[in-house]
C-alpha atoms as a PDB file:
ATOM      1  CA  MET A   1      96.350  77.410 108.790  1.00  0.00           C
ATOM      2  CA  THR A   2      92.977  79.336 108.996  1.00  0.00           C
ATOM      3  CA  VAL A   3      89.941  78.702 107.302  1.00  0.00           C
ATOM      4  CA  LYS A   4      90.568  82.262 105.384  1.00  0.00           C
ATOM      5  CA  GLU A   5      94.298  81.240 104.665  1.00  0.00           C
ATOM      6  CA  LYS A   6      93.198  77.524 103.371  1.00  0.00           C
ATOM      7  CA  ILE A   7      90.547  79.020 101.131  1.00  0.00           C
ATOM      8  CA  THR A   8      92.875  81.739  99.761  1.00  0.00           C
ATOM      9  CA  GLU A   9      95.496  78.937  99.184  1.00  0.00           C
ATOM     10  CA  LEU A  10      92.849  76.921  97.241  1.00  0.00           C
ATOM     11  CA  PHE A  11      91.605  79.716  95.223  1.00  0.00           C
ATOM     12  CA  GLU A  12      94.944  80.400  93.978  1.00  0.00           C
ATOM     13  CA  LEU A  13      95.349  76.977  92.791  1.00  0.00           C
ATOM     14  CA  ASN A  14      92.107  77.383  90.768  1.00  0.00           C
ATOM     15  CA  ARG A  15      91.912  81.108  89.959  1.00  0.00           C
ATOM     16  CA  GLY A  16      88.865  81.530  87.003  1.00  0.00           C
ATOM     17  CA  LYS A  17      86.994  78.057  88.256  1.00  0.00           C
ATOM     18  CA  TYR A  18      84.283  77.764  90.098  1.00  0.00           C
ATOM     19  CA  LEU A  19      84.266  75.678  93.371  1.00  0.00           C
ATOM     20  CA  SER A  20      80.903  75.445  95.163  1.00  0.00           C
ATOM     21  CA  GLY A  21      80.457  76.210  99.009  1.00  0.00           C
ATOM     22  CA  ALA A  22      79.631  72.431  99.980  1.00  0.00           C
ATOM     23  CA  GLU A  23      83.336  71.463  97.682  1.00  0.00           C
ATOM     24  CA  ILE A  24      85.340  73.991  99.360  1.00  0.00           C
ATOM     25  CA  ALA A  25      83.870  72.728 102.964  1.00  0.00           C
ATOM     26  CA  ARG A  26      84.580  69.238 102.377  1.00  0.00           C
ATOM     27  CA  LYS A  27      87.896  70.199 101.320  1.00  0.00           C
ATOM     28  CA  LEU A  28      88.920  72.119 104.544  1.00  0.00           C
ATOM     29  CA  GLU A  29      86.921  70.471 106.459  1.00  0.00           C
ATOM     30  CA  CYS A  30      84.692  73.072 107.817  1.00  0.00           C
ATOM     31  CA  THR A  31      81.262  74.265 107.749  1.00  0.00           C
ATOM     32  CA  ARG A  32      79.656  76.429 104.614  1.00  0.00           C
ATOM     33  CA  GLY A  33      79.262  79.325 106.824  1.00  0.00           C
ATOM     34  CA  ALA A  34      83.063  79.262 107.644  1.00  0.00           C
ATOM     35  CA  VAL A  35      83.589  79.226 104.132  1.00  0.00           C
ATOM     36  CA  TRP A  36      81.145  82.098 103.501  1.00  0.00           C
ATOM     37  CA  LYS A  37      82.528  84.340 106.379  1.00  0.00           C
ATOM     38  CA  ALA A  38      86.317  83.763 105.131  1.00  0.00           C
ATOM     39  CA  VAL A  39      85.209  84.387 101.301  1.00  0.00           C
ATOM     40  CA  LYS A  40      83.768  87.534 102.528  1.00  0.00           C
ATOM     41  CA  ALA A  41      86.682  88.733 104.553  1.00  0.00           C
ATOM     42  CA  LEU A  42      88.578  88.314 101.490  1.00  0.00           C
ATOM     43  CA  GLN A  43      86.293  90.426  99.034  1.00  0.00           C
ATOM     44  CA  ASP A  44      86.647  93.041 101.748  1.00  0.00           C
ATOM     45  CA  GLU A  45      90.728  92.891 101.363  1.00  0.00           C
ATOM     46  CA  GLY A  46      90.201  93.470  97.469  1.00  0.00           C
ATOM     47  CA  TYR A  47      89.949  90.079  95.918  1.00  0.00           C
ATOM     48  CA  GLU A  48      87.857  89.793  92.904  1.00  0.00           C
ATOM     49  CA  ILE A  49      86.006  86.603  94.057  1.00  0.00           C
ATOM     50  CA  THR A  50      82.412  86.139  92.191  1.00  0.00           C
ATOM     51  CA  ALA A  51      79.850  84.215  93.876  1.00  0.00           C
ATOM     52  CA  SER A  52      77.168  82.612  91.203  1.00  0.00           C
ATOM     53  CA  THR A  53      73.978  80.386  92.358  1.00  0.00           C
ATOM     54  CA  ASN A  54      74.488  76.779  91.602  1.00  0.00           C
ATOM     55  CA  LYS A  55      77.875  77.440  90.773  1.00  0.00           C
ATOM     56  CA  GLY A  56      79.950  79.095  94.086  1.00  0.00           C
ATOM     57  CA  TYR A  57      82.696  81.037  94.141  1.00  0.00           C
ATOM     58  CA  ARG A  58      85.737  82.018  91.469  1.00  0.00           C
ATOM     59  CA  LEU A  59      88.333  84.001  92.135  1.00  0.00           C
ATOM     60  CA  GLU A  60      88.549  85.888  88.685  1.00  0.00           C
ATOM     61  CA  GLU A  61      91.933  85.248  86.243  1.00  0.00           C
ATOM     62  CA  ASN A  62      93.633  88.464  86.317  1.00  0.00           C
ATOM     63  CA  THR A  63      92.991  89.471  90.503  1.00  0.00           C
ATOM     64  CA  ASP A  64      96.365  91.241  91.479  1.00  0.00           C
ATOM     65  CA  VAL A  65      95.998  91.603  95.167  1.00  0.00           C
ATOM     66  CA  ILE A  66      99.176  91.096  96.961  1.00  0.00           C
ATOM     67  CA  THR A  67      99.001  88.194  99.599  1.00  0.00           C
ATOM     68  CA  ALA A  68     101.635  85.973 101.303  1.00  0.00           C
ATOM     69  CA  GLU A  69     100.731  82.748  99.001  1.00  0.00           C
ATOM     70  CA  GLY A  70     100.290  84.713  96.016  1.00  0.00           C
ATOM     71  CA  ILE A  71     104.321  85.835  96.443  1.00  0.00           C
ATOM     72  CA  LYS A  72     105.744  82.322  98.097  1.00  0.00           C
ATOM     73  CA  LYS A  73     104.869  80.893  94.071  1.00  0.00           C
ATOM     74  CA  TYR A  74     107.381  83.187  92.627  1.00  0.00           C
ATOM     75  CA  LEU A  75     109.952  83.061  95.444  1.00  0.00           C
ATOM     76  CA  ASP A  76     113.137  80.772  95.103  1.00  0.00           C
ATOM     77  CA  ALA A  77     113.476  79.697  98.634  1.00  0.00           C
ATOM     78  CA  PRO A  78     110.116  80.886 100.181  1.00  0.00           C
ATOM     79  CA  GLU A  79     111.451  79.182 103.537  1.00  0.00           C
ATOM     80  CA  LYS A  80     113.910  82.172 103.997  1.00  0.00           C
ATOM     81  CA  PHE A  81     111.150  84.849 104.413  1.00  0.00           C
ATOM     82  CA  ASP A  82     108.704  85.522 107.134  1.00  0.00           C
ATOM     83  CA  LEU A  83     106.057  87.770 105.235  1.00  0.00           C
ATOM     84  CA  HIS A  84     103.664  89.683 107.101  1.00  0.00           C
ATOM     85  CA  ILE A  85     100.968  91.409 104.547  1.00  0.00           C
ATOM     86  CA  PHE A  86      98.710  94.305 105.185  1.00  0.00           C
ATOM     87  CA  LYS A  87      95.962  95.759 103.433  1.00  0.00           C
ATOM     88  CA  THR A  88      97.194  99.403 104.746  1.00  0.00           C
ATOM     89  CA  VAL A  89      99.800 100.504 107.193  1.00  0.00           C
ATOM     90  CA  ASP A  90     101.147 103.687 108.435  1.00  0.00           C
ATOM     91  CA  SER A  91     104.695 103.071 106.996  1.00  0.00           C
ATOM     92  CA  THR A  92     106.164  99.911 106.201  1.00  0.00           C
ATOM     93  CA  ASN A  93     109.444 100.616 107.737  1.00  0.00           C
ATOM     94  CA  THR A  94     107.914 101.778 110.883  1.00  0.00           C
ATOM     95  CA  ARG A  95     105.951  98.734 111.496  1.00  0.00           C
ATOM     96  CA  LEU A  96     109.042  96.378 110.473  1.00  0.00           C
ATOM     97  CA  LYS A  97     110.922  98.335 113.233  1.00  0.00           C
ATOM     98  CA  GLU A  98     108.273  97.736 115.657  1.00  0.00           C
ATOM     99  CA  ILE A  99     108.995  94.102 114.747  1.00  0.00           C
ATOM    100  CA  ALA A 100     112.578  93.911 114.708  1.00  0.00           C
ATOM    101  CA  VAL A 101     112.931  95.315 118.357  1.00  0.00           C
ATOM    102  CA  SER A 102     111.372  92.464 119.534  1.00  0.00           C
ATOM    103  CA  GLY A 103     114.415  89.682 117.920  1.00  0.00           C
ATOM    104  CA  ALA A 104     112.773  88.941 114.655  1.00  0.00           C
ATOM    105  CA  ALA A 105     115.158  87.181 112.064  1.00  0.00           C
ATOM    106  CA  GLU A 106     116.407  88.670 108.934  1.00  0.00           C
ATOM    107  CA  GLY A 107     114.043  88.056 106.050  1.00  0.00           C
ATOM    108  CA  THR A 108     111.094  88.977 107.873  1.00  0.00           C
ATOM    109  CA  VAL A 109     109.390  91.241 105.514  1.00  0.00           C
ATOM    110  CA  VAL A 110     106.286  93.667 106.013  1.00  0.00           C
ATOM    111  CA  ILE A 111     104.026  94.312 102.593  1.00  0.00           C
ATOM    112  CA  SER A 112     101.380  96.836 102.363  1.00  0.00           C
ATOM    113  CA  GLY A 113      99.063  97.769  99.573  1.00  0.00           C
ATOM    114  CA  GLU A 114      98.579 101.381 100.921  1.00  0.00           C
ATOM    115  CA  GLN A 115     100.645 103.522 103.314  1.00  0.00           C
ATOM    116  CA  THR A 116      99.296 106.789 105.383  1.00  0.00           C
ATOM    117  CA  GLY A 117     102.534 107.742 106.197  1.00  0.00           C
ATOM    118  CA  GLY A 118     104.663 106.600 103.355  1.00  0.00           C
ATOM    119  CA  LYS A 119     108.502 107.832 104.040  1.00  0.00           C
ATOM    120  CA  GLY A 120     111.173 108.957 101.718  1.00  0.00           C
ATOM    121  CA  ARG A 121     114.804 110.416 102.056  1.00  0.00           C
ATOM    122  CA  LEU A 122     115.741 113.485 103.666  1.00  0.00           C
ATOM    123  CA  GLY A 123     112.142 113.480 105.423  1.00  0.00           C
ATOM    124  CA  ARG A 124     110.142 113.847 102.616  1.00  0.00           C
ATOM    125  CA  SER A 125     107.008 111.646 102.387  1.00  0.00           C
ATOM    126  CA  PHE A 126     106.198 109.301  99.652  1.00  0.00           C
ATOM    127  CA  PHE A 127     102.900 108.768  97.968  1.00  0.00           C
ATOM    128  CA  SER A 128     101.309 105.581  98.498  1.00  0.00           C
ATOM    129  CA  PRO A 129      97.699 105.432  96.831  1.00  0.00           C
ATOM    130  CA  SER A 130      95.426 101.881  97.726  1.00  0.00           C
ATOM    131  CA  ASP A 131      95.894  99.260  95.428  1.00  0.00           C
ATOM    132  CA  THR A 132      98.097 100.655  93.150  1.00  0.00           C
ATOM    133  CA  GLY A 133     101.521 100.083  94.093  1.00  0.00           C
ATOM    134  CA  LEU A 134     103.914  97.573  95.892  1.00  0.00           C
ATOM    135  CA  TYR A 135     105.000  99.061  99.265  1.00  0.00           C
ATOM    136  CA  MET A 136     107.752  97.001 100.957  1.00  0.00           C
ATOM    137  CA  SER A 137     110.398  96.577 103.983  1.00  0.00           C
ATOM    138  CA  VAL A 138     112.826  93.933 104.275  1.00  0.00           C
ATOM    139  CA  LEU A 139     114.695  92.949 107.908  1.00  0.00           C
ATOM    140  CA  LEU A 140     118.262  92.198 107.342  1.00  0.00           C
ATOM    141  CA  ARG A 141     120.913  92.019 110.425  1.00  0.00           C
ATOM    142  CA  PRO A 142     124.613  92.513 108.327  1.00  0.00           C
ATOM    143  CA  ARG A 143     127.836  92.537 109.621  1.00  0.00           C
ATOM    144  CA  MET A 144     129.018  95.841 108.214  1.00  0.00           C
ATOM    145  CA  SER A 145     130.180  99.376 109.421  1.00  0.00           C
ATOM    146  CA  ALA A 146     127.355 102.601 109.200  1.00  0.00           C
ATOM    147  CA  SER A 147     129.658 103.732 105.988  1.00  0.00           C
ATOM    148  CA  GLU A 148     128.905 100.612 104.160  1.00  0.00           C
ATOM    149  CA  ALA A 149     125.150 100.461 104.327  1.00  0.00           C
ATOM    150  CA  ILE A 150     124.393 102.533 101.649  1.00  0.00           C
ATOM    151  CA  LYS A 151     125.495  99.207  99.636  1.00  0.00           C
ATOM    152  CA  ILE A 152     122.432  97.948 100.674  1.00  0.00           C
ATOM    153  CA  THR A 153     120.584 100.779  99.237  1.00  0.00           C
ATOM    154  CA  THR A 154     122.601 100.393  95.928  1.00  0.00           C
ATOM    155  CA  ALA A 155     121.932  96.417  95.536  1.00  0.00           C
ATOM    156  CA  ALA A 156     118.542  97.152  96.046  1.00  0.00           C
ATOM    157  CA  ALA A 157     117.821  99.663  93.166  1.00  0.00           C
ATOM    158  CA  VAL A 158     120.055  96.974  91.003  1.00  0.00           C
ATOM    159  CA  ALA A 159     117.233  94.496  92.183  1.00  0.00           C
ATOM    160  CA  VAL A 160     114.556  96.470  91.441  1.00  0.00           C
ATOM    161  CA  ALA A 161     115.562  97.695  88.439  1.00  0.00           C
ATOM    162  CA  GLU A 162     116.067  93.920  87.038  1.00  0.00           C
ATOM    163  CA  THR A 163     112.928  92.885  87.919  1.00  0.00           C
ATOM    164  CA  ILE A 164     110.895  95.816  86.315  1.00  0.00           C
ATOM    165  CA  GLU A 165     113.141  95.530  83.168  1.00  0.00           C
ATOM    166  CA  ARG A 166     112.232  91.394  83.149  1.00  0.00           C
ATOM    167  CA  LEU A 167     108.395  92.116  83.826  1.00  0.00           C
ATOM    168  CA  SER A 168     107.865  95.136  81.687  1.00  0.00           C
ATOM    169  CA  GLY A 169     110.730  94.339  78.625  1.00  0.00           C
ATOM    170  CA  LYS A 170     111.373  98.520  79.160  1.00  0.00           C
ATOM    171  CA  GLN A 171     114.644  99.893  80.041  1.00  0.00           C
ATOM    172  CA  THR A 172     115.163 101.423  83.555  1.00  0.00           C
ATOM    173  CA  ARG A 173     117.667 103.994  85.291  1.00  0.00           C
ATOM    174  CA  ILE A 174     118.913 104.741  88.502  1.00  0.00           C
ATOM    175  CA  LYS A 175     118.854 108.591  89.430  1.00  0.00           C
ATOM    176  CA  TRP A 176     122.078 108.416  92.457  1.00  0.00           C
ATOM    177  CA  VAL A 177     121.611 107.325  95.172  1.00  0.00           C
ATOM    178  CA  ASN A 178     118.136 105.191  95.155  1.00  0.00           C
ATOM    179  CA  ASP A 179     115.463 106.205  92.645  1.00  0.00           C
ATOM    180  CA  VAL A 180     114.360 103.590  89.897  1.00  0.00           C
ATOM    181  CA  TYR A 181     113.268 105.717  86.552  1.00  0.00           C
ATOM    182  CA  LEU A 182     111.205 104.381  83.925  1.00  0.00           C
ATOM    183  CA  GLU A 183     110.712 106.753  80.522  1.00  0.00           C
ATOM    184  CA  ASN A 184     112.282 109.927  82.382  1.00  0.00           C
ATOM    185  CA  LYS A 185     109.569 109.450  85.508  1.00  0.00           C
ATOM    186  CA  LYS A 186     110.406 107.939  88.773  1.00  0.00           C
ATOM    187  CA  ILE A 187     108.527 104.705  89.522  1.00  0.00           C
ATOM    188  CA  CYS A 188     110.568 103.453  92.537  1.00  0.00           C
ATOM    189  CA  GLY A 189     111.691 105.187  95.473  1.00  0.00           C
ATOM    190  CA  ILE A 190     113.788 103.134  97.995  1.00  0.00           C
ATOM    191  CA  LEU A 191     114.991 104.189 101.912  1.00  0.00           C
ATOM    192  CA  THR A 192     117.312 102.154 104.216  1.00  0.00           C
ATOM    193  CA  GLU A 193     117.075 103.121 108.141  1.00  0.00           C
ATOM    194  CA  ALA A 194     119.315 101.445 110.126  1.00  0.00           C
ATOM    195  CA  SER A 195     120.039 100.933 113.982  1.00  0.00           C
ATOM    196  CA  PHE A 196     123.449 101.285 115.026  1.00  0.00           C
ATOM    197  CA  GLY A 197     124.640  99.650 118.202  1.00  0.00           C
ATOM    198  CA  LEU A 198     126.471 102.059 121.052  1.00  0.00           C
ATOM    199  CA  GLU A 199     129.181 100.116 121.850  1.00  0.00           C
ATOM    200  CA  ASN A 200     130.779  99.214 118.326  1.00  0.00           C
ATOM    201  CA  GLY A 201     128.860 101.840 115.782  1.00  0.00           C
ATOM    202  CA  GLY A 202     127.840  98.493 113.956  1.00  0.00           C
ATOM    203  CA  LEU A 203     124.647  97.957 112.747  1.00  0.00           C
ATOM    204  CA  GLU A 204     122.289  96.001 114.836  1.00  0.00           C
ATOM    205  CA  TYR A 205     119.971  96.040 112.111  1.00  0.00           C
ATOM    206  CA  ALA A 206     118.573  97.772 108.477  1.00  0.00           C
ATOM    207  CA  VAL A 207     115.133  98.056 107.579  1.00  0.00           C
ATOM    208  CA  LEU A 208     114.972  98.021 103.490  1.00  0.00           C
ATOM    209  CA  GLY A 209     112.004 100.013 102.629  1.00  0.00           C
ATOM    210  CA  ILE A 210     111.239  99.774  98.923  1.00  0.00           C
ATOM    211  CA  GLY A 211     108.110 101.739  97.051  1.00  0.00           C
ATOM    212  CA  VAL A 212     107.589 100.823  93.377  1.00  0.00           C
ATOM    213  CA  ASN A 213     104.232 102.629  91.554  1.00  0.00           C
ATOM    214  CA  ALA A 214     102.839  99.388  89.363  1.00  0.00           C
ATOM    215  CA  TYR A 215     100.155 101.150  88.453  1.00  0.00           C
ATOM    216  CA  GLU A 216      98.359 104.584  87.828  1.00  0.00           C
ATOM    217  CA  PRO A 217      96.163 105.800  90.877  1.00  0.00           C
ATOM    218  CA  ASP A 218      92.647 106.427  89.719  1.00  0.00           C
ATOM    219  CA  GLY A 219      92.742 110.066  88.874  1.00  0.00           C
ATOM    220  CA  GLY A 220      96.252 110.015  88.258  1.00  0.00           C
ATOM    221  CA  PHE A 221      99.358 111.313  89.956  1.00  0.00           C
ATOM    222  CA  PRO A 222      98.731 114.089  92.654  1.00  0.00           C
ATOM    223  CA  GLU A 223      99.583 117.627  91.562  1.00  0.00           C
ATOM    224  CA  ASN A 224     102.767 117.917  93.714  1.00  0.00           C
ATOM    225  CA  VAL A 225     104.182 114.657  92.045  1.00  0.00           C
ATOM    226  CA  ARG A 226     102.523 114.465  88.636  1.00  0.00           C
ATOM    227  CA  ASP A 227     105.771 115.777  86.674  1.00  0.00           C
ATOM    228  CA  ILE A 228     108.057 113.270  88.371  1.00  0.00           C
ATOM    229  CA  ALA A 229     106.039 110.227  89.323  1.00  0.00           C
ATOM    230  CA  GLY A 230     105.370 107.528  87.104  1.00  0.00           C
ATOM    231  CA  SER A 231     103.761 103.778  87.052  1.00  0.00           C
ATOM    232  CA  VAL A 232     105.392 100.526  85.416  1.00  0.00           C
ATOM    233  CA  PHE A 233     102.032  98.721  83.618  1.00  0.00           C
ATOM    234  CA  PRO A 234      99.261 100.924  81.964  1.00  0.00           C
ATOM    235  CA  GLN A 235      96.926  98.185  83.146  1.00  0.00           C
ATOM    236  CA  ARG A 236      96.417  95.761  85.958  1.00  0.00           C
ATOM    237  CA  ILE A 237      97.986  92.297  85.061  1.00  0.00           C
ATOM    238  CA  ARG A 238      97.409  88.953  87.052  1.00  0.00           C
ATOM    239  CA  ASP A 239      99.636  88.907  89.805  1.00  0.00           C
ATOM    240  CA  MET A 240     102.180  91.377  88.946  1.00  0.00           C
ATOM    241  CA  ARG A 241     102.523  93.161  92.171  1.00  0.00           C
ATOM    242  CA  SER A 242     103.042  89.706  93.882  1.00  0.00           C
ATOM    243  CA  ARG A 243     105.693  88.744  91.006  1.00  0.00           C
ATOM    244  CA  LEU A 244     107.471  92.104  91.625  1.00  0.00           C
ATOM    245  CA  ALA A 245     107.532  91.612  95.026  1.00  0.00           C
ATOM    246  CA  ALA A 246     108.817  88.193  94.514  1.00  0.00           C
ATOM    247  CA  GLY A 247     111.349  89.088  91.876  1.00  0.00           C
ATOM    248  CA  ILE A 248     112.586  92.029  93.723  1.00  0.00           C
ATOM    249  CA  LEU A 249     113.405  89.908  96.996  1.00  0.00           C
ATOM    250  CA  ASN A 250     115.093  86.752  94.841  1.00  0.00           C
ATOM    251  CA  GLY A 251     117.249  89.511  93.617  1.00  0.00           C
ATOM    252  CA  PHE A 252     118.303  91.508  96.262  1.00  0.00           C
ATOM    253  CA  MET A 253     119.177  88.674  98.573  1.00  0.00           C
ATOM    254  CA  LYS A 254     121.473  87.152  96.052  1.00  0.00           C
ATOM    255  CA  ARG A 255     123.221  90.382  95.972  1.00  0.00           C
ATOM    256  CA  TYR A 256     122.805  91.096  99.524  1.00  0.00           C
ATOM    257  CA  LEU A 257     125.173  87.641 100.178  1.00  0.00           C
ATOM    258  CA  ASP A 258     127.862  89.725  98.678  1.00  0.00           C
ATOM    259  CA  LEU A 259     127.684  93.319  98.731  1.00  0.00           C
ATOM    260  CA  SER A 260     131.548  93.774  97.676  1.00  0.00           C
ATOM    261  CA  ASP A 261     130.922  92.219  94.432  1.00  0.00           C
ATOM    262  CA  PRO A 262     132.035  94.017  91.517  1.00  0.00           C
ATOM    263  CA  ALA A 263     128.993  92.588  89.069  1.00  0.00           C
ATOM    264  CA  CYS A 264     126.566  94.697  91.561  1.00  0.00           C
ATOM    265  CA  CYS A 265     128.588  98.139  91.064  1.00  0.00           C
ATOM    266  CA  GLU A 266     128.887  97.575  87.367  1.00  0.00           C
ATOM    267  CA  ASP A 267     125.260  97.130  86.949  1.00  0.00           C
ATOM    268  CA  TYR A 268     124.411 100.070  89.098  1.00  0.00           C
ATOM    269  CA  ARG A 269     126.928 102.396  86.924  1.00  0.00           C
ATOM    270  CA  ASN A 270     125.580 101.142  83.850  1.00  0.00           C
ATOM    271  CA  ARG A 271     121.683 102.452  84.733  1.00  0.00           C
ATOM    272  CA  LEU A 272     123.271 106.005  86.291  1.00  0.00           C
ATOM    273  CA  MET A 273     121.364 109.057  85.239  1.00  0.00           C
ATOM    274  CA  TRP A 274     122.594 112.109  84.001  1.00  0.00           C
ATOM    275  CA  ARG A 275     125.971 110.484  83.285  1.00  0.00           C
ATOM    276  CA  GLY A 276     128.181 113.147  81.548  1.00  0.00           C
ATOM    277  CA  GLU A 277     125.094 115.590  81.876  1.00  0.00           C
ATOM    278  CA  ARG A 278     124.769 118.968  83.810  1.00  0.00           C
ATOM    279  CA  ILE A 279     123.683 118.784  87.026  1.00  0.00           C
ATOM    280  CA  SER A 280     122.719 120.951  90.121  1.00  0.00           C
ATOM    281  CA  ILE A 281     123.767 119.107  93.585  1.00  0.00           C
ATOM    282  CA  ILE A 282     121.435 120.630  96.200  1.00  0.00           C
ATOM    283  CA  SER A 283     122.314 120.936  99.980  1.00  0.00           C
ATOM    284  CA  GLY A 284     121.506 123.087 102.918  1.00  0.00           C
ATOM    285  CA  ALA A 285     124.013 125.536 101.545  1.00  0.00           C
ATOM    286  CA  GLY A 286     122.235 126.022  98.002  1.00  0.00           C
ATOM    287  CA  ALA A 287     122.667 124.619  94.607  1.00  0.00           C
ATOM    288  CA  VAL A 288     126.145 124.330  92.878  1.00  0.00           C
ATOM    289  CA  PRO A 289     126.402 123.445  89.288  1.00  0.00           C
ATOM    290  CA  ALA A 290     128.839 120.219  88.006  1.00  0.00           C
ATOM    291  CA  VAL A 291     128.962 117.743  85.342  1.00  0.00           C
ATOM    292  CA  LEU A 292     128.095 114.202  86.662  1.00  0.00           C
ATOM    293  CA  LYS A 293     130.670 112.039  85.386  1.00  0.00           C
ATOM    294  CA  ASP A 294     130.206 108.490  87.052  1.00  0.00           C
ATOM    295  CA  THR A 295     130.360 106.549  90.604  1.00  0.00           C
ATOM    296  CA  ASP A 296     133.381 104.737  92.083  1.00  0.00           C
ATOM    297  CA  THR A 297     133.442 101.363  93.848  1.00  0.00           C
ATOM    298  CA  ASP A 298     132.047 102.704  97.477  1.00  0.00           C
ATOM    299  CA  TYR A 299     128.945 104.614  95.091  1.00  0.00           C
ATOM    300  CA  ARG A 300     130.001 107.771  95.764  1.00  0.00           C
ATOM    301  CA  LEU A 301     129.484 110.176  93.259  1.00  0.00           C
ATOM    302  CA  ILE A 302     132.010 111.525  91.025  1.00  0.00           C
ATOM    303  CA  VAL A 303     131.204 114.867  89.596  1.00  0.00           C
ATOM    304  CA  GLU A 304     133.373 117.602  87.792  1.00  0.00           C
ATOM    305  CA  TYR A 305     133.114 121.086  88.505  1.00  0.00           C
ATOM    306  CA  PRO A 306     133.164 124.193  86.571  1.00  0.00           C
ATOM    307  CA  ASP A 307     136.841 124.795  87.426  1.00  0.00           C
ATOM    308  CA  GLY A 308     137.984 121.598  86.378  1.00  0.00           C
ATOM    309  CA  SER A 309     138.293 120.014  89.584  1.00  0.00           C
ATOM    310  CA  ILE A 310     136.801 116.427  90.653  1.00  0.00           C
ATOM    311  CA  GLY A 311     134.775 115.805  93.632  1.00  0.00           C
ATOM    312  CA  LYS A 312     133.402 112.828  95.613  1.00  0.00           C
ATOM    313  CA  ILE A 313     129.934 113.087  97.002  1.00  0.00           C
ATOM    314  CA  SER A 314     128.853 110.569  99.505  1.00  0.00           C
ATOM    315  CA  SER A 315     125.071 110.006 100.348  1.00  0.00           C
ATOM    316  CA  GLY A 316     123.706 112.190 102.903  1.00  0.00           C
ATOM    317  CA  GLU A 317     121.673 115.567 102.961  1.00  0.00           C
ATOM    318  CA  ILE A 318     121.930 116.424  99.231  1.00  0.00           C
ATOM    319  CA  SER A 319     120.084 115.807  96.209  1.00  0.00           C
ATOM    320  CA  ILE A 320     120.623 116.102  92.616  1.00  0.00           C
ATOM    321  CA  ARG A 321     118.640 117.357  89.974  1.00  0.00           C
ATOM    322  CA  LYS A 322     119.411 117.819  86.088  1.00  0.00           C
ATOM    323  CA  ALA A 323     120.611 121.571  85.453  1.00  0.00           C
END
């Protein structure tokens, strides 16, 4: 471990307490100059570290900076994950795909506090401002066909919904197929990207991308998403983004072990938005009215058209909105 990593761990164990530079240097067997450099680097990354003459350094109680050490505290099996934490990236999915092609193991995770080129479904961008959200991508190497990959996305949606409900005490809804809503506002988007083998058509790997709006950004959301986007928490809470990350990883990996478990499908259906309501199905051919009935066990959307016929829609180049 580097001096900075050791100091981070020491601060995490002593939140709210002053540690003198001499004390830190003695514990870590390094110079006070190395301590100062490490503390400065952490402050530049967003850590709220107070420096006081004759007292030393203190990590403030309510700091909510995303760190590997902070997340590992809440993971059920931290040894199963290889966490790569960044202050900012273009896209966590893009960064993880670069790592995946080099043979990285399943459970490799890229997490960032900001994305400059966040991705959404159907080529859309995902607004990812600095220091208010959780942007995370997980590398998976499942044995499944392309048609089954939707189960990765839906299991992730349930894991996100359950984690947010537990941490916020509020009820979530899932907009088919991959968005999580809270109080009629979108607070999470999920994008699964896959690489397929040319010989058997199976998945070589999948990259599961999850973006959560933990807090509202300074100045609010931009005008183009202001009516849609929301946040989970009204104010910053100590370790909350680390708790979110760990909770989602814990919940998803449990479901990932058996993606055909009917309990996951039931948990998804119970949160399905607009069930029994009129919707518009949007595609390149235009908008088609329908009533949203349910999903089936393959997560196809079941709809009833105005003529009374029933249709089943697979994920693809379509979108839905409330009529």
